[in-house]
N, C-alpha and C. Protein backbone atom coordinates (compact mmCIF):
# COMPACT_ATOMS: atom_id res chain seq x y z
N MET A 1 115.60 89.04 119.96
CA MET A 1 114.92 89.41 118.30
C MET A 1 114.94 90.83 118.10
N TRP A 2 114.28 91.83 119.07
CA TRP A 2 114.32 93.10 118.89
C TRP A 2 115.34 93.75 118.24
N GLY A 3 114.87 94.50 117.39
CA GLY A 3 115.98 95.09 116.12
C GLY A 3 116.51 94.40 115.44
N THR A 4 115.48 92.99 114.84
CA THR A 4 115.93 92.01 113.69
C THR A 4 115.03 91.80 113.08
N SER A 5 114.72 91.44 111.83
CA SER A 5 113.85 91.16 110.96
C SER A 5 113.32 89.52 111.29
N ALA A 6 112.19 89.49 111.50
CA ALA A 6 111.74 87.92 111.30
C ALA A 6 111.80 87.22 110.32
N PHE A 7 111.85 87.95 108.95
CA PHE A 7 112.04 87.40 107.69
C PHE A 7 113.27 88.38 107.01
N PRO A 8 114.41 88.13 107.22
CA PRO A 8 115.43 88.98 106.71
C PRO A 8 115.74 88.57 105.34
N THR A 9 115.44 87.52 105.00
CA THR A 9 115.71 87.33 103.61
C THR A 9 114.46 87.27 102.43
N TYR A 10 113.21 87.74 103.02
CA TYR A 10 112.21 87.87 102.36
C TYR A 10 111.63 89.26 102.47
N TRP A 11 111.72 89.85 101.39
CA TRP A 11 111.21 91.32 101.21
C TRP A 11 110.63 91.54 100.05
N LEU A 12 110.03 92.61 99.98
CA LEU A 12 109.54 93.08 98.39
C LEU A 12 109.11 94.62 98.40
N GLU A 13 109.93 95.39 97.35
CA GLU A 13 109.56 96.36 97.50
C GLU A 13 108.82 96.83 96.57
N PHE A 14 108.12 97.82 96.64
CA PHE A 14 106.92 98.50 95.90
C PHE A 14 107.48 99.72 95.30
N PRO A 15 107.84 99.41 93.78
CA PRO A 15 108.49 100.63 93.43
C PRO A 15 107.01 101.66 92.54
N PHE A 16 106.30 102.03 93.03
CA PHE A 16 105.41 102.85 92.75
C PHE A 16 104.59 103.68 93.42
N GLY A 17 104.19 104.63 92.67
CA GLY A 17 103.53 105.85 93.39
C GLY A 17 102.06 105.56 93.64
N ILE A 18 100.97 106.56 94.02
CA ILE A 18 99.69 106.49 94.30
C ILE A 18 99.39 107.60 93.12
N TYR A 19 98.38 107.11 92.67
CA TYR A 19 97.91 108.17 91.75
C TYR A 19 96.20 108.19 91.65
N TRP A 20 95.84 109.36 92.13
CA TRP A 20 94.34 109.75 92.57
C TRP A 20 93.97 110.48 91.13
N THR A 21 92.97 110.09 90.58
CA THR A 21 91.88 111.24 89.86
C THR A 21 91.45 112.46 90.08
N PRO A 22 91.40 113.45 89.42
CA PRO A 22 90.76 114.69 89.99
C PRO A 22 89.14 114.33 90.50
N GLU A 23 88.50 113.45 90.27
CA GLU A 23 87.31 112.85 90.55
C GLU A 23 87.32 112.41 91.61
N GLN A 24 88.41 111.27 92.02
CA GLN A 24 88.26 110.84 93.36
C GLN A 24 88.80 111.30 94.14
N ILE A 25 89.55 112.63 94.22
CA ILE A 25 89.81 113.56 94.99
C ILE A 25 88.64 114.34 95.66
N ASN A 26 87.96 114.81 94.56
CA ASN A 26 87.11 115.79 94.67
C ASN A 26 85.85 114.92 95.48
N ASN A 27 85.56 113.59 94.98
CA ASN A 27 84.39 113.19 95.68
C ASN A 27 85.04 112.49 97.15
N GLY A 28 86.12 112.51 97.79
CA GLY A 28 86.64 111.99 98.68
C GLY A 28 87.03 112.60 99.53
N SER A 29 87.45 113.72 99.47
CA SER A 29 88.06 115.09 100.02
C SER A 29 87.42 115.21 101.33
N LEU A 30 88.08 115.65 102.47
CA LEU A 30 87.29 115.97 103.71
C LEU A 30 87.62 117.81 103.48
N ASP A 31 86.57 118.30 104.58
CA ASP A 31 86.92 119.71 105.03
C ASP A 31 87.84 119.69 105.84
N GLY A 32 88.93 120.09 105.62
CA GLY A 32 90.25 120.18 106.61
C GLY A 32 90.35 121.50 107.60
N GLY A 33 89.33 122.54 107.43
CA GLY A 33 88.94 123.33 108.34
C GLY A 33 89.45 124.75 107.89
N VAL A 34 89.29 125.94 108.41
CA VAL A 34 89.66 126.98 107.79
C VAL A 34 90.94 127.26 107.32
N ASP A 35 92.12 126.65 108.04
CA ASP A 35 93.26 126.87 107.31
C ASP A 35 93.61 126.01 106.48
N LEU A 36 92.90 124.60 106.28
CA LEU A 36 93.40 123.98 104.90
C LEU A 36 92.43 123.55 104.11
N GLY A 37 90.99 124.24 104.24
CA GLY A 37 89.95 123.70 103.30
C GLY A 37 89.60 122.37 103.09
N LYS A 38 89.42 122.14 101.79
CA LYS A 38 89.41 120.79 100.95
C LYS A 38 90.52 119.95 101.55
N SER A 39 90.66 118.92 101.65
CA SER A 39 91.69 118.16 102.06
C SER A 39 91.69 116.78 102.03
N ILE A 40 92.85 115.83 101.78
CA ILE A 40 93.11 114.41 102.08
C ILE A 40 93.75 114.16 103.26
N TYR A 41 93.52 112.74 103.87
CA TYR A 41 94.04 112.41 105.14
C TYR A 41 94.87 111.15 104.65
N PRO A 42 95.96 110.86 104.17
CA PRO A 42 96.52 109.86 103.91
C PRO A 42 97.12 108.98 104.96
N VAL A 43 96.64 107.66 104.94
CA VAL A 43 97.35 106.52 105.87
C VAL A 43 97.85 105.42 104.81
N LEU A 44 98.77 105.11 105.60
CA LEU A 44 99.53 103.93 104.90
C LEU A 44 99.16 102.63 106.13
N ILE A 45 98.86 101.56 105.33
CA ILE A 45 98.43 100.30 106.50
C ILE A 45 99.30 99.51 105.66
N GLU A 46 100.16 98.60 106.54
CA GLU A 46 100.80 97.52 105.73
C GLU A 46 100.24 96.41 106.93
N CYS A 47 100.53 95.26 106.18
CA CYS A 47 100.21 93.64 106.69
C CYS A 47 100.75 92.83 106.13
N VAL A 48 101.49 91.82 106.86
CA VAL A 48 102.62 90.66 106.79
C VAL A 48 101.59 89.46 107.05
N ALA A 49 101.50 88.80 106.36
CA ALA A 49 100.54 87.02 106.65
C ALA A 49 101.79 86.21 106.55
N TYR A 50 101.97 85.36 107.59
CA TYR A 50 102.83 84.29 107.59
C TYR A 50 102.69 83.05 108.37
N ARG A 51 102.98 81.98 107.79
CA ARG A 51 102.99 80.70 108.69
C ARG A 51 104.14 80.03 109.33
N TYR A 52 103.95 79.80 110.75
CA TYR A 52 105.07 78.74 111.11
C TYR A 52 105.02 77.57 111.14
N PRO A 53 105.86 76.76 110.73
CA PRO A 53 105.48 75.43 110.40
C PRO A 53 105.18 74.83 111.39
N SER A 54 105.58 75.14 112.72
CA SER A 54 104.68 74.38 113.51
C SER A 54 103.17 74.75 114.17
N SER A 55 102.75 75.96 113.47
CA SER A 55 101.14 76.24 113.63
C SER A 55 100.24 75.97 112.46
N ASP A 56 99.13 75.40 112.80
CA ASP A 56 98.32 75.26 111.64
C ASP A 56 97.33 76.33 111.35
N ARG A 57 97.59 77.64 111.97
CA ARG A 57 96.80 78.80 111.55
C ARG A 57 98.01 79.84 110.93
N PRO A 58 97.22 80.70 110.13
CA PRO A 58 98.22 81.97 109.22
C PRO A 58 98.19 82.97 110.85
N HIS A 59 99.25 83.76 110.74
CA HIS A 59 99.62 84.87 112.01
C HIS A 59 99.71 86.04 110.60
N HIS A 60 99.75 87.25 111.57
CA HIS A 60 99.49 88.62 110.88
C HIS A 60 100.56 89.42 111.81
N ALA A 61 101.08 90.35 111.25
CA ALA A 61 101.78 91.63 111.70
C ALA A 61 101.76 92.87 110.83
N GLY A 62 101.28 93.79 111.39
CA GLY A 62 101.57 95.08 110.45
C GLY A 62 101.58 96.32 111.51
N SER A 63 101.33 97.34 110.65
CA SER A 63 101.43 98.82 111.39
C SER A 63 100.29 99.93 110.73
N VAL A 64 100.12 100.78 111.29
CA VAL A 64 99.28 101.97 110.45
C VAL A 64 100.32 103.18 110.54
N TYR A 65 100.68 103.61 109.34
CA TYR A 65 101.13 104.97 109.11
C TYR A 65 100.47 106.17 109.17
N ILE A 66 100.59 107.18 109.56
CA ILE A 66 99.76 108.70 109.05
C ILE A 66 100.69 109.54 108.92
N LEU A 67 100.44 110.14 107.43
CA LEU A 67 101.38 110.84 106.77
C LEU A 67 101.39 112.36 107.60
N SER A 68 102.15 113.11 107.81
CA SER A 68 101.92 114.33 108.30
C SER A 68 102.93 115.21 107.87
N HIS A 69 102.69 116.63 107.85
CA HIS A 69 103.64 117.75 107.31
C HIS A 69 103.79 118.68 108.48
N SER A 70 104.91 119.59 108.05
CA SER A 70 105.27 120.75 109.01
C SER A 70 106.05 121.74 108.39
N ASP A 71 104.92 122.06 107.18
CA ASP A 71 105.25 123.23 106.43
C ASP A 71 104.85 124.50 106.86
N ASP A 72 103.82 124.60 107.72
CA ASP A 72 103.40 125.62 108.26
C ASP A 72 102.97 125.37 109.67
N PRO A 73 104.00 126.48 110.41
CA PRO A 73 103.76 126.34 111.70
C PRO A 73 102.56 126.90 112.24
N ASN A 74 101.91 127.76 111.65
CA ASN A 74 100.50 128.25 112.12
C ASN A 74 99.21 127.10 112.00
N ILE A 75 99.62 125.86 111.54
CA ILE A 75 98.67 125.04 111.60
C ILE A 75 98.96 124.03 112.69
N GLN A 76 97.78 123.96 113.61
CA GLN A 76 98.07 123.15 114.64
C GLN A 76 98.63 121.48 114.58
N GLU A 77 99.40 121.04 115.49
CA GLU A 77 99.79 119.64 114.93
C GLU A 77 98.63 118.85 114.61
N ALA A 78 97.68 118.72 115.44
CA ALA A 78 96.58 117.46 115.14
C ALA A 78 95.75 117.97 113.78
N GLY A 79 96.07 119.13 113.15
CA GLY A 79 95.58 119.36 111.80
C GLY A 79 96.59 119.03 110.73
N ARG A 80 97.85 118.83 110.98
CA ARG A 80 99.07 118.66 109.71
C ARG A 80 98.82 116.97 109.29
N VAL A 81 97.94 116.29 110.13
CA VAL A 81 97.62 115.18 109.21
C VAL A 81 96.67 115.31 107.53
N PHE A 82 96.19 116.64 107.94
CA PHE A 82 95.72 117.04 106.44
C PHE A 82 96.25 117.52 105.60
N PHE A 83 95.99 117.32 103.94
CA PHE A 83 96.75 117.95 103.16
C PHE A 83 95.87 118.56 102.15
N SER A 84 96.24 120.09 101.79
CA SER A 84 95.17 120.87 101.20
C SER A 84 95.35 120.26 99.86
N ILE A 85 94.01 120.17 99.10
CA ILE A 85 94.16 119.85 97.73
C ILE A 85 94.52 121.05 97.14
N GLY A 86 95.70 120.76 95.97
CA GLY A 86 96.34 121.50 95.29
C GLY A 86 97.95 122.43 95.88
N LYS A 87 97.87 122.17 96.90
CA LYS A 87 98.99 122.72 97.55
C LYS A 87 100.23 121.70 97.48
N THR A 88 101.27 122.15 97.20
CA THR A 88 102.70 121.13 96.84
C THR A 88 102.89 121.71 98.48
N ILE A 89 103.73 120.27 98.87
CA ILE A 89 104.10 120.56 100.21
C ILE A 89 105.93 119.55 99.80
N PRO A 90 107.08 120.33 100.42
CA PRO A 90 108.08 119.62 99.97
C PRO A 90 108.26 118.29 100.73
N LYS A 91 109.26 117.70 100.27
CA LYS A 91 109.02 116.27 100.69
C LYS A 91 109.93 116.16 101.96
N ASP A 92 110.79 117.21 102.47
CA ASP A 92 111.72 117.02 103.54
C ASP A 92 110.56 117.50 104.87
N LYS A 93 109.39 118.31 104.69
CA LYS A 93 108.53 118.75 105.35
C LYS A 93 107.44 117.56 105.73
N MET A 94 107.70 116.43 105.30
CA MET A 94 106.69 115.40 105.65
C MET A 94 107.46 114.27 106.23
N VAL A 95 106.27 113.57 107.08
CA VAL A 95 106.91 112.50 107.82
C VAL A 95 105.97 111.17 108.14
N LEU A 96 106.00 110.41 108.27
CA LEU A 96 105.45 109.08 108.70
C LEU A 96 105.45 108.99 109.76
N LEU A 97 104.28 108.80 110.58
CA LEU A 97 104.47 108.74 112.19
C LEU A 97 103.50 107.34 112.25
N LYS A 98 104.11 106.72 113.24
CA LYS A 98 103.75 104.97 113.32
C LYS A 98 102.35 105.39 114.55
N ALA A 99 100.96 105.11 113.90
CA ALA A 99 99.76 105.07 114.81
C ALA A 99 99.26 104.11 115.48
N ALA A 100 100.16 102.88 115.13
CA ALA A 100 99.40 101.58 115.71
C ALA A 100 100.31 100.32 115.02
N GLN A 101 100.40 99.24 115.93
CA GLN A 101 100.75 98.12 115.05
C GLN A 101 100.12 97.12 115.86
N TYR A 102 100.27 95.68 115.25
CA TYR A 102 99.61 94.64 115.71
C TYR A 102 100.13 93.30 115.33
N VAL A 103 99.96 92.54 116.14
CA VAL A 103 100.47 90.91 115.84
C VAL A 103 99.44 90.11 116.37
N ASP A 104 99.37 88.95 115.82
CA ASP A 104 98.64 87.98 116.18
C ASP A 104 99.08 86.33 116.19
C-alpha cells in the first residue's frame, strides 16, 4: 500500500484561508527574537477518523506540519518557523515541513 491512498475515492478540499484579526494576532503572538520580533508560529494539524467494517472502534491517522520560510538567509534554520507580524513573505519562500505523523 505504500504510495497509495487508503481512501482513494473519499477526499474533501477546503477552499478557504485562515483569517486572524489584529487583536487575535497581538494577543497571541510570540517574541521571535532579535531578528524576528513579534511573531506567530503557524502549525497545520490534520486528522482523519475512520472505521473498518471488521473493527468495533474508530481509528485515526494524521500528521503535523510546520510552516517555515527561507526568505532571509541571516535567520537560523530553527528560527525560520516564526513569522514576523507585518512582514510579507513570498509564497515561493515558504514550505510545509512534516513534523510528526500518527496512526492508531
